[in-house]
Amino acid sequence: MEPQVAELKKKIEDTLCPFGFEVYPFQVAWYNALLPPVFHLPLPGPTLAFLVLSTPAMFDRALKPFLQSCCLQPLTDPVDQCVAYHLGRVRESLPELQMEVIADYEVHPNRRPKILAQTAAHVAGAAYYYQRHDVEADPWGTQHISGVCIHPRFGGWFAIRGVVLLPGIEVPHLLPTKPLDCVPRRTDRIALLESFNFHWRDWAYRDAVIPEERYSEEQKAYFSSPPAQRLALLGLAQPSEEPSSASPELLFTTLIPKPQNLSRVKGWLSPKVSPPASPDP
């Protein structure tokens, strides 16, 4: 890795990794090469970018302390606000650099995603994006099959949170890092894509590889609630109509089953429950 890239990566990691995030560098050209022009990032190909994802540890290390110490905006998802806060800290840590941060959920006025997060994760080497074309002679006929990213250490127990673009920095000699193909067998890829597309409510697709860590039960309960009800869990709002479904690129971070027992999580956001060793936001 080029010294400049390694130095910037370390600075961003020092800001984010203690809070349960991971950081991966890539070139804009690698991302654009996999997509039609309508989805291209409008920057020179050698422009440096970083993919940011959250691990299961983010819930305790970042979200809980954030909820305890910050004033939330009731109409915005608390996790999105927490991630935006920490990505903002990246900007503050490198004030001398021109920087653009794109969150995974951001869209243009025509509702086209600003970033295809799973494609970015694949080209950055963070997680392998398994798609229909990765299955030879697939069995699905005319059915629509969405792809899903699998992390080599966390399986599906992670979320892509955004991309940090550095328009003023070009790294033409940065070498690509291929994502680890952790589901190499055709039969296992079929099982993964069918589990994700047809049985995502049972969480099984996330265990496509044996993960080092899974979401905690309280984390499952939170993320398995519809977004409007998540605010109610925090005492911020009453449950309201559930928003429209997410795009295929966002499915694996948003489509999860209803919690079986919310009584267990009534107090888990209190300061007494949060880990005392968690860094303050």
C-alpha atoms as a PDB file:
ATOM      1  CA  MET A   1       0.000   0.000   0.000  1.00  0.00           C
ATOM      2  CA  GLU A   2       1.289   3.471  -0.869  1.00  0.00           C
ATOM      3  CA  PRO A   3       2.634   5.401   2.148  1.00  0.00           C
ATOM      4  CA  GLN A   4       0.133   8.246   1.706  1.00  0.00           C
ATOM      5  CA  VAL A   5      -2.771   5.810   1.596  1.00  0.00           C
ATOM      6  CA  ALA A   6      -1.487   3.907   4.600  1.00  0.00           C
ATOM      7  CA  GLU A   7      -1.125   7.125   6.597  1.00  0.00           C
ATOM      8  CA  LEU A   8      -4.620   8.342   5.762  1.00  0.00           C
ATOM      9  CA  LYS A   9      -6.091   4.914   6.436  1.00  0.00           C
ATOM     10  CA  LYS A  10      -4.481   4.863   9.870  1.00  0.00           C
ATOM     11  CA  LYS A  11      -5.825   8.320  10.727  1.00  0.00           C
ATOM     12  CA  ILE A  12      -9.355   7.339   9.702  1.00  0.00           C
ATOM     13  CA  GLU A  13      -9.066   4.028  11.532  1.00  0.00           C
ATOM     14  CA  ASP A  14      -7.874   5.807  14.682  1.00  0.00           C
ATOM     15  CA  THR A  15     -11.056   7.868  14.531  1.00  0.00           C
ATOM     16  CA  LEU A  16     -13.516   5.080  13.693  1.00  0.00           C
ATOM     17  CA  CYS A  17     -12.200   1.651  14.673  1.00  0.00           C
ATOM     18  CA  PRO A  18     -12.493   2.112  18.473  1.00  0.00           C
ATOM     19  CA  PHE A  19     -16.230   2.518  17.867  1.00  0.00           C
ATOM     20  CA  GLY A  20     -16.752  -0.706  15.935  1.00  0.00           C
ATOM     21  CA  PHE A  21     -16.104   0.400  12.344  1.00  0.00           C
ATOM     22  CA  GLU A  22     -13.743  -0.898   9.666  1.00  0.00           C
ATOM     23  CA  VAL A  23     -12.093   1.084   6.846  1.00  0.00           C
ATOM     24  CA  TYR A  24     -10.955  -0.051   3.385  1.00  0.00           C
ATOM     25  CA  PRO A  25      -9.294   2.090   0.651  1.00  0.00           C
ATOM     26  CA  PHE A  26     -10.172   1.894  -3.038  1.00  0.00           C
ATOM     27  CA  GLN A  27      -9.896   3.836  -6.285  1.00  0.00           C
ATOM     28  CA  VAL A  28     -12.971   5.459  -7.799  1.00  0.00           C
ATOM     29  CA  ALA A  29     -12.004   3.828 -11.117  1.00  0.00           C
ATOM     30  CA  TRP A  30     -12.468   0.331  -9.654  1.00  0.00           C
ATOM     31  CA  TYR A  31     -16.008   1.203  -8.598  1.00  0.00           C
ATOM     32  CA  ASN A  32     -16.969   2.948 -11.844  1.00  0.00           C
ATOM     33  CA  ALA A  33     -15.608   0.070 -13.931  1.00  0.00           C
ATOM     34  CA  LEU A  34     -18.314  -2.264 -12.598  1.00  0.00           C
ATOM     35  CA  LEU A  35     -21.274   0.041 -13.163  1.00  0.00           C
ATOM     36  CA  PRO A  36     -23.119   1.776 -16.012  1.00  0.00           C
ATOM     37  CA  PRO A  37     -22.364   5.514 -16.383  1.00  0.00           C
ATOM     38  CA  VAL A  38     -25.561   6.586 -14.606  1.00  0.00           C
ATOM     39  CA  PHE A  39     -24.119   5.254 -11.342  1.00  0.00           C
ATOM     40  CA  HIS A  40     -20.555   6.533 -11.782  1.00  0.00           C
ATOM     41  CA  LEU A  41     -18.941   8.742  -9.195  1.00  0.00           C
ATOM     42  CA  PRO A  42     -18.102  11.989 -11.053  1.00  0.00           C
ATOM     43  CA  LEU A  43     -14.430  12.041 -10.105  1.00  0.00           C
ATOM     44  CA  PRO A  44     -11.161  11.130 -11.854  1.00  0.00           C
ATOM     45  CA  GLY A  45     -10.491   7.406 -11.802  1.00  0.00           C
ATOM     46  CA  PRO A  46      -7.396   7.499  -9.548  1.00  0.00           C
ATOM     47  CA  THR A  47      -9.267   9.449  -6.829  1.00  0.00           C
ATOM     48  CA  LEU A  48      -8.815   7.869  -3.394  1.00  0.00           C
ATOM     49  CA  ALA A  49     -11.865   6.704  -1.471  1.00  0.00           C
ATOM     50  CA  PHE A  50     -12.512   4.718   1.690  1.00  0.00           C
ATOM     51  CA  LEU A  51     -15.344   2.272   2.361  1.00  0.00           C
ATOM     52  CA  VAL A  52     -16.669   2.345   5.945  1.00  0.00           C
ATOM     53  CA  LEU A  53     -18.602  -0.547   7.466  1.00  0.00           C
ATOM     54  CA  SER A  54     -19.869  -1.302  10.956  1.00  0.00           C
ATOM     55  CA  THR A  55     -19.233  -4.541  12.825  1.00  0.00           C
ATOM     56  CA  PRO A  56     -21.453  -6.020  15.554  1.00  0.00           C
ATOM     57  CA  ALA A  57     -19.404  -4.086  18.125  1.00  0.00           C
ATOM     58  CA  MET A  58     -20.679  -0.744  16.790  1.00  0.00           C
ATOM     59  CA  PHE A  59     -23.972  -1.122  18.647  1.00  0.00           C
ATOM     60  CA  ASP A  60     -22.360  -1.029  22.097  1.00  0.00           C
ATOM     61  CA  ARG A  61     -19.299   1.065  21.313  1.00  0.00           C
ATOM     62  CA  ALA A  62     -20.917   3.809  19.206  1.00  0.00           C
ATOM     63  CA  LEU A  63     -24.717   3.765  19.234  1.00  0.00           C
ATOM     64  CA  LYS A  64     -25.412   3.380  22.955  1.00  0.00           C
ATOM     65  CA  PRO A  65     -23.024   6.152  24.064  1.00  0.00           C
ATOM     66  CA  PHE A  66     -24.332   8.367  21.252  1.00  0.00           C
ATOM     67  CA  LEU A  67     -27.928   7.905  22.402  1.00  0.00           C
ATOM     68  CA  GLN A  68     -26.977   8.792  25.956  1.00  0.00           C
ATOM     69  CA  SER A  69     -25.071  11.951  25.138  1.00  0.00           C
ATOM     70  CA  CYS A  70     -26.666  13.505  22.047  1.00  0.00           C
ATOM     71  CA  CYS A  71     -29.932  15.205  21.206  1.00  0.00           C
ATOM     72  CA  LEU A  72     -31.605  13.114  18.525  1.00  0.00           C
ATOM     73  CA  GLN A  73     -33.642  14.449  15.651  1.00  0.00           C
ATOM     74  CA  PRO A  74     -36.945  12.537  15.972  1.00  0.00           C
ATOM     75  CA  LEU A  75     -37.570  12.255  12.232  1.00  0.00           C
ATOM     76  CA  THR A  76     -34.178  10.717  11.447  1.00  0.00           C
ATOM     77  CA  ASP A  77     -33.081   7.162  12.173  1.00  0.00           C
ATOM     78  CA  PRO A  78     -30.903   7.106  15.321  1.00  0.00           C
ATOM     79  CA  VAL A  79     -28.335   4.754  13.769  1.00  0.00           C
ATOM     80  CA  ASP A  80     -28.046   7.022  10.727  1.00  0.00           C
ATOM     81  CA  GLN A  81     -27.489   9.984  13.053  1.00  0.00           C
ATOM     82  CA  CYS A  82     -24.856   8.072  15.010  1.00  0.00           C
ATOM     83  CA  VAL A  83     -22.994   7.032  11.864  1.00  0.00           C
ATOM     84  CA  ALA A  84     -23.206  10.582  10.477  1.00  0.00           C
ATOM     85  CA  TYR A  85     -21.731  11.872  13.729  1.00  0.00           C
ATOM     86  CA  HIS A  86     -18.752   9.528  13.517  1.00  0.00           C
ATOM     87  CA  LEU A  87     -18.187  10.169   9.817  1.00  0.00           C
ATOM     88  CA  GLY A  88     -18.250  13.855  10.679  1.00  0.00           C
ATOM     89  CA  ARG A  89     -15.438  13.203  13.141  1.00  0.00           C
ATOM     90  CA  VAL A  90     -13.402  11.842  10.237  1.00  0.00           C
ATOM     91  CA  ARG A  91     -13.849  15.161   8.459  1.00  0.00           C
ATOM     92  CA  GLU A  92     -12.791  17.028  11.612  1.00  0.00           C
ATOM     93  CA  SER A  93      -9.707  14.831  12.008  1.00  0.00           C
ATOM     94  CA  LEU A  94      -8.473  15.781   8.527  1.00  0.00           C
ATOM     95  CA  PRO A  95      -9.435  19.467   8.177  1.00  0.00           C
ATOM     96  CA  GLU A  96      -6.711  20.114   5.609  1.00  0.00           C
ATOM     97  CA  LEU A  97      -8.292  17.759   3.069  1.00  0.00           C
ATOM     98  CA  GLN A  98     -11.171  18.238   0.688  1.00  0.00           C
ATOM     99  CA  MET A  99     -13.596  15.480   1.600  1.00  0.00           C
ATOM    100  CA  GLU A 100     -17.015  14.236   0.549  1.00  0.00           C
ATOM    101  CA  VAL A 101     -18.878  11.744   2.699  1.00  0.00           C
ATOM    102  CA  ILE A 102     -21.719   9.710   1.175  1.00  0.00           C
ATOM    103  CA  ALA A 103     -23.855   7.654   3.539  1.00  0.00           C
ATOM    104  CA  ASP A 104     -25.188   4.335   2.276  1.00  0.00           C
ATOM    105  CA  TYR A 105     -28.803   5.566   2.389  1.00  0.00           C
ATOM    106  CA  GLU A 106     -28.333   8.839   0.468  1.00  0.00           C
ATOM    107  CA  VAL A 107     -30.191   9.284  -2.817  1.00  0.00           C
ATOM    108  CA  HIS A 108     -30.387  11.851  -5.603  1.00  0.00           C
ATOM    109  CA  PRO A 109     -33.623  13.845  -6.129  1.00  0.00           C
ATOM    110  CA  ASN A 110     -34.762  11.152  -8.595  1.00  0.00           C
ATOM    111  CA  ARG A 111     -34.276   8.527  -5.815  1.00  0.00           C
ATOM    112  CA  ARG A 112     -31.270   6.950  -7.508  1.00  0.00           C
ATOM    113  CA  PRO A 113     -28.731   5.899  -4.848  1.00  0.00           C
ATOM    114  CA  LYS A 114     -25.680   8.124  -4.577  1.00  0.00           C
ATOM    115  CA  ILE A 115     -23.551   5.069  -3.868  1.00  0.00           C
ATOM    116  CA  LEU A 116     -24.150   1.389  -4.525  1.00  0.00           C
ATOM    117  CA  ALA A 117     -22.785   0.266  -1.199  1.00  0.00           C
ATOM    118  CA  GLN A 118     -22.336  -3.425  -1.907  1.00  0.00           C
ATOM    119  CA  THR A 119     -20.412  -2.733  -5.113  1.00  0.00           C
ATOM    120  CA  ALA A 120     -18.156  -0.355  -3.184  1.00  0.00           C
ATOM    121  CA  ALA A 121     -17.582  -2.989  -0.499  1.00  0.00           C
ATOM    122  CA  HIS A 122     -16.615  -5.538  -3.140  1.00  0.00           C
ATOM    123  CA  VAL A 123     -14.101  -3.359  -4.998  1.00  0.00           C
ATOM    124  CA  ALA A 124     -12.571  -2.200  -1.700  1.00  0.00           C
ATOM    125  CA  GLY A 125     -11.952  -5.826  -0.738  1.00  0.00           C
ATOM    126  CA  ALA A 126     -14.142  -5.528   2.366  1.00  0.00           C
ATOM    127  CA  ALA A 127     -16.775  -8.137   1.531  1.00  0.00           C
ATOM    128  CA  TYR A 128     -17.575 -10.355  -1.427  1.00  0.00           C
ATOM    129  CA  TYR A 129     -20.706  -9.257  -3.307  1.00  0.00           C
ATOM    130  CA  TYR A 130     -22.399 -12.493  -4.373  1.00  0.00           C
ATOM    131  CA  GLN A 131     -24.769 -12.003  -7.290  1.00  0.00           C
ATOM    132  CA  ARG A 132     -26.700 -14.162  -9.664  1.00  0.00           C
ATOM    133  CA  HIS A 133     -23.935 -14.110 -12.251  1.00  0.00           C
ATOM    134  CA  ASP A 134     -21.666 -15.786  -9.685  1.00  0.00           C
ATOM    135  CA  VAL A 135     -23.738 -18.977 -10.010  1.00  0.00           C
ATOM    136  CA  GLU A 136     -23.070 -21.006 -13.131  1.00  0.00           C
ATOM    137  CA  ALA A 137     -26.282 -22.270 -14.780  1.00  0.00           C
ATOM    138  CA  ASP A 138     -28.427 -20.793 -12.026  1.00  0.00           C
ATOM    139  CA  PRO A 139     -31.784 -22.423 -11.255  1.00  0.00           C
ATOM    140  CA  TRP A 140     -34.008 -19.351 -10.908  1.00  0.00           C
ATOM    141  CA  GLY A 141     -35.408 -18.834 -14.392  1.00  0.00           C
ATOM    142  CA  THR A 142     -37.189 -15.484 -14.636  1.00  0.00           C
ATOM    143  CA  GLN A 143     -37.146 -14.796 -10.872  1.00  0.00           C
ATOM    144  CA  HIS A 144     -35.445 -11.627  -9.683  1.00  0.00           C
ATOM    145  CA  ILE A 145     -32.516 -12.465  -7.416  1.00  0.00           C
ATOM    146  CA  SER A 146     -30.844  -9.730  -5.375  1.00  0.00           C
ATOM    147  CA  GLY A 147     -27.187 -10.019  -4.439  1.00  0.00           C
ATOM    148  CA  VAL A 148     -25.706  -9.892  -0.948  1.00  0.00           C
ATOM    149  CA  CYS A 149     -22.307  -9.120   0.557  1.00  0.00           C
ATOM    150  CA  ILE A 150     -20.608 -11.581   2.885  1.00  0.00           C
ATOM    151  CA  HIS A 151     -17.762 -10.472   5.141  1.00  0.00           C
ATOM    152  CA  PRO A 152     -14.951 -13.019   5.621  1.00  0.00           C
ATOM    153  CA  ARG A 153     -14.997 -12.596   9.415  1.00  0.00           C
ATOM    154  CA  PHE A 154     -18.546 -11.507  10.191  1.00  0.00           C
ATOM    155  CA  GLY A 155     -20.539 -13.248   7.463  1.00  0.00           C
ATOM    156  CA  GLY A 156     -23.706 -11.171   7.092  1.00  0.00           C
ATOM    157  CA  TRP A 157     -23.483  -9.693  10.592  1.00  0.00           C
ATOM    158  CA  PHE A 158     -22.290  -6.250   9.521  1.00  0.00           C
ATOM    159  CA  ALA A 159     -23.528  -3.180   7.651  1.00  0.00           C
ATOM    160  CA  ILE A 160     -22.003  -0.937   4.997  1.00  0.00           C
ATOM    161  CA  ARG A 161     -22.291   2.620   6.280  1.00  0.00           C
ATOM    162  CA  GLY A 162     -20.812   4.862   3.636  1.00  0.00           C
ATOM    163  CA  VAL A 163     -17.924   6.074   1.535  1.00  0.00           C
ATOM    164  CA  VAL A 164     -15.381   8.827   2.189  1.00  0.00           C
ATOM    165  CA  LEU A 165     -14.153  10.458  -1.031  1.00  0.00           C
ATOM    166  CA  LEU A 166     -10.969  12.535  -1.193  1.00  0.00           C
ATOM    167  CA  PRO A 167     -11.250  14.506  -4.469  1.00  0.00           C
ATOM    168  CA  GLY A 168      -7.868  16.171  -4.077  1.00  0.00           C
ATOM    169  CA  ILE A 169      -5.899  12.950  -3.720  1.00  0.00           C
ATOM    170  CA  GLU A 170      -5.145  10.652  -6.650  1.00  0.00           C
ATOM    171  CA  VAL A 171      -3.396   7.303  -6.187  1.00  0.00           C
ATOM    172  CA  PRO A 172      -2.809   5.844  -9.683  1.00  0.00           C
ATOM    173  CA  HIS A 173      -0.493   3.116  -8.368  1.00  0.00           C
ATOM    174  CA  LEU A 174      -2.790   1.758  -5.658  1.00  0.00           C
ATOM    175  CA  LEU A 175      -3.198  -1.973  -6.220  1.00  0.00           C
ATOM    176  CA  PRO A 176      -6.669  -3.525  -5.950  1.00  0.00           C
ATOM    177  CA  THR A 177      -7.454  -5.837  -3.041  1.00  0.00           C
ATOM    178  CA  LYS A 178      -9.767  -8.645  -4.065  1.00  0.00           C
ATOM    179  CA  PRO A 179     -12.442  -9.585  -1.550  1.00  0.00           C
ATOM    180  CA  LEU A 180     -12.073 -13.033  -0.056  1.00  0.00           C
ATOM    181  CA  ASP A 181     -14.346 -15.524  -1.790  1.00  0.00           C
ATOM    182  CA  CYS A 182     -15.627 -17.159   1.376  1.00  0.00           C
ATOM    183  CA  VAL A 183     -18.535 -18.975  -0.347  1.00  0.00           C
ATOM    184  CA  PRO A 184     -16.699 -20.586  -3.280  1.00  0.00           C
ATOM    185  CA  ARG A 185     -18.926 -23.618  -3.940  1.00  0.00           C
ATOM    186  CA  ARG A 186     -21.830 -23.317  -6.379  1.00  0.00           C
ATOM    187  CA  THR A 187     -24.230 -25.159  -4.096  1.00  0.00           C
ATOM    188  CA  ASP A 188     -23.373 -22.895  -1.176  1.00  0.00           C
ATOM    189  CA  ARG A 189     -23.834 -19.776  -3.317  1.00  0.00           C
ATOM    190  CA  ILE A 190     -27.257 -21.010  -4.390  1.00  0.00           C
ATOM    191  CA  ALA A 191     -28.166 -21.662  -0.755  1.00  0.00           C
ATOM    192  CA  LEU A 192     -26.918 -18.206   0.265  1.00  0.00           C
ATOM    193  CA  LEU A 193     -28.826 -16.304  -2.417  1.00  0.00           C
ATOM    194  CA  GLU A 194     -31.996 -18.306  -1.852  1.00  0.00           C
ATOM    195  CA  SER A 195     -31.755 -17.787   1.904  1.00  0.00           C
ATOM    196  CA  PHE A 196     -31.249 -14.042   1.429  1.00  0.00           C
ATOM    197  CA  ASN A 197     -33.988 -13.571  -1.168  1.00  0.00           C
ATOM    198  CA  PHE A 198     -36.657 -15.939   0.102  1.00  0.00           C
ATOM    199  CA  HIS A 199     -35.996 -16.587   3.807  1.00  0.00           C
ATOM    200  CA  TRP A 200     -34.237 -13.480   5.113  1.00  0.00           C
ATOM    201  CA  ARG A 201     -36.521 -13.347   8.162  1.00  0.00           C
ATOM    202  CA  ASP A 202     -34.797 -16.357   9.749  1.00  0.00           C
ATOM    203  CA  TRP A 203     -31.340 -14.650   9.759  1.00  0.00           C
ATOM    204  CA  ALA A 204     -29.722 -17.821   8.344  1.00  0.00           C
ATOM    205  CA  TYR A 205     -28.042 -16.142   5.342  1.00  0.00           C
ATOM    206  CA  ARG A 206     -25.896 -14.138   7.750  1.00  0.00           C
ATOM    207  CA  ASP A 207     -24.238 -17.395   8.826  1.00  0.00           C
ATOM    208  CA  ALA A 208     -23.045 -18.252   5.313  1.00  0.00           C
ATOM    209  CA  VAL A 209     -19.626 -18.378   6.987  1.00  0.00           C
ATOM    210  CA  ILE A 210     -19.032 -19.034  10.670  1.00  0.00           C
ATOM    211  CA  PRO A 211     -18.793 -15.477  12.052  1.00  0.00           C
ATOM    212  CA  GLU A 212     -16.362 -14.279  14.670  1.00  0.00           C
ATOM    213  CA  GLU A 213     -19.203 -12.305  16.227  1.00  0.00           C
ATOM    214  CA  ARG A 214     -22.950 -11.947  15.714  1.00  0.00           C
ATOM    215  CA  TYR A 215     -25.389  -9.208  16.675  1.00  0.00           C
ATOM    216  CA  SER A 216     -26.415  -9.379  20.333  1.00  0.00           C
ATOM    217  CA  GLU A 217     -30.024 -10.228  21.204  1.00  0.00           C
ATOM    218  CA  GLU A 218     -30.758  -6.580  22.043  1.00  0.00           C
ATOM    219  CA  GLN A 219     -29.206  -5.508  18.742  1.00  0.00           C
ATOM    220  CA  LYS A 220     -31.373  -8.039  16.903  1.00  0.00           C
ATOM    221  CA  ALA A 221     -34.462  -6.753  18.683  1.00  0.00           C
ATOM    222  CA  TYR A 222     -33.660  -3.168  17.736  1.00  0.00           C
ATOM    223  CA  PHE A 223     -32.847  -3.766  14.074  1.00  0.00           C
ATOM    224  CA  SER A 224     -35.695  -6.223  13.597  1.00  0.00           C
ATOM    225  CA  SER A 225     -38.256  -3.565  14.507  1.00  0.00           C
ATOM    226  CA  PRO A 226     -39.666  -1.421  11.674  1.00  0.00           C
ATOM    227  CA  PRO A 227     -37.840   1.939  11.535  1.00  0.00           C
ATOM    228  CA  ALA A 228     -40.757   3.922  12.986  1.00  0.00           C
ATOM    229  CA  GLN A 229     -41.025   1.533  15.917  1.00  0.00           C
ATOM    230  CA  ARG A 230     -37.332   1.875  16.625  1.00  0.00           C
ATOM    231  CA  LEU A 231     -37.981   5.479  17.639  1.00  0.00           C
ATOM    232  CA  ALA A 232     -40.709   4.249  19.961  1.00  0.00           C
ATOM    233  CA  LEU A 233     -38.289   1.793  21.557  1.00  0.00           C
ATOM    234  CA  LEU A 234     -36.130   4.794  22.427  1.00  0.00           C
ATOM    235  CA  GLY A 235     -39.101   6.737  23.789  1.00  0.00           C
ATOM    236  CA  LEU A 236     -38.819   9.305  20.997  1.00  0.00           C
ATOM    237  CA  ALA A 237     -42.051   8.725  19.091  1.00  0.00           C
ATOM    238  CA  GLN A 238     -45.088   6.518  18.775  1.00  0.00           C
ATOM    239  CA  PRO A 239     -45.019   3.779  16.116  1.00  0.00           C
ATOM    240  CA  SER A 240     -46.335   5.008  12.804  1.00  0.00           C
ATOM    241  CA  GLU A 241     -46.749   3.639   9.321  1.00  0.00           C
ATOM    242  CA  GLU A 242     -43.750   1.653   8.189  1.00  0.00           C
ATOM    243  CA  PRO A 243     -41.715   3.308   5.401  1.00  0.00           C
ATOM    244  CA  SER A 244     -41.561   1.833   1.932  1.00  0.00           C
ATOM    245  CA  SER A 245     -39.181  -1.046   1.383  1.00  0.00           C
ATOM    246  CA  ALA A 246     -35.521  -0.441   0.723  1.00  0.00           C
ATOM    247  CA  SER A 247     -33.694  -0.858  -2.547  1.00  0.00           C
ATOM    248  CA  PRO A 248     -31.978  -4.221  -3.227  1.00  0.00           C
ATOM    249  CA  GLU A 249     -28.607  -2.681  -2.367  1.00  0.00           C
ATOM    250  CA  LEU A 250     -29.873  -1.898   1.153  1.00  0.00           C
ATOM    251  CA  LEU A 251     -31.902  -5.047   1.794  1.00  0.00           C
ATOM    252  CA  PHE A 252     -29.329  -6.881   3.823  1.00  0.00           C
ATOM    253  CA  THR A 253     -29.066  -4.050   6.380  1.00  0.00           C
ATOM    254  CA  THR A 254     -32.763  -3.314   6.735  1.00  0.00           C
ATOM    255  CA  LEU A 255     -34.925  -6.356   6.080  1.00  0.00           C
ATOM    256  CA  ILE A 256     -34.908  -8.348   9.298  1.00  0.00           C
ATOM    257  CA  PRO A 257     -37.554 -10.195  11.304  1.00  0.00           C
ATOM    258  CA  LYS A 258     -39.836  -8.854  14.009  1.00  0.00           C
ATOM    259  CA  PRO A 259     -38.495  -9.271  17.556  1.00  0.00           C
ATOM    260  CA  GLN A 260     -39.973 -12.095  19.571  1.00  0.00           C
ATOM    261  CA  ASN A 261     -39.736 -10.418  22.971  1.00  0.00           C
ATOM    262  CA  LEU A 262     -39.357  -6.670  23.355  1.00  0.00           C
ATOM    263  CA  SER A 263     -39.697  -6.817  27.153  1.00  0.00           C
ATOM    264  CA  ARG A 264     -36.056  -7.862  27.360  1.00  0.00           C
ATOM    265  CA  VAL A 265     -34.826  -4.627  25.800  1.00  0.00           C
ATOM    266  CA  LYS A 266     -36.828  -2.024  27.753  1.00  0.00           C
ATOM    267  CA  GLY A 267     -33.827  -0.881  29.737  1.00  0.00           C
ATOM    268  CA  TRP A 268     -30.890  -1.676  27.540  1.00  0.00           C
ATOM    269  CA  LEU A 269     -30.353   1.908  26.385  1.00  0.00           C
ATOM    270  CA  SER A 270     -29.965   3.245  29.918  1.00  0.00           C
ATOM    271  CA  PRO A 271     -26.496   4.373  31.018  1.00  0.00           C
ATOM    272  CA  LYS A 272     -26.436   1.607  33.630  1.00  0.00           C
ATOM    273  CA  VAL A 273     -26.703  -1.047  30.952  1.00  0.00           C
ATOM    274  CA  SER A 274     -24.233   0.398  28.454  1.00  0.00           C
ATOM    275  CA  PRO A 275     -20.702  -0.978  28.793  1.00  0.00           C
ATOM    276  CA  PRO A 276     -18.692   1.380  31.028  1.00  0.00           C
ATOM    277  CA  ALA A 277     -15.595   0.813  28.889  1.00  0.00           C
ATOM    278  CA  SER A 278     -17.264   2.106  25.718  1.00  0.00           C
ATOM    279  CA  PRO A 279     -15.551   5.244  24.356  1.00  0.00           C
ATOM    280  CA  ASP A 280     -17.517   8.453  24.582  1.00  0.00           C
ATOM    281  CA  PRO A 281     -18.672   9.811  21.188  1.00  0.00           C
END
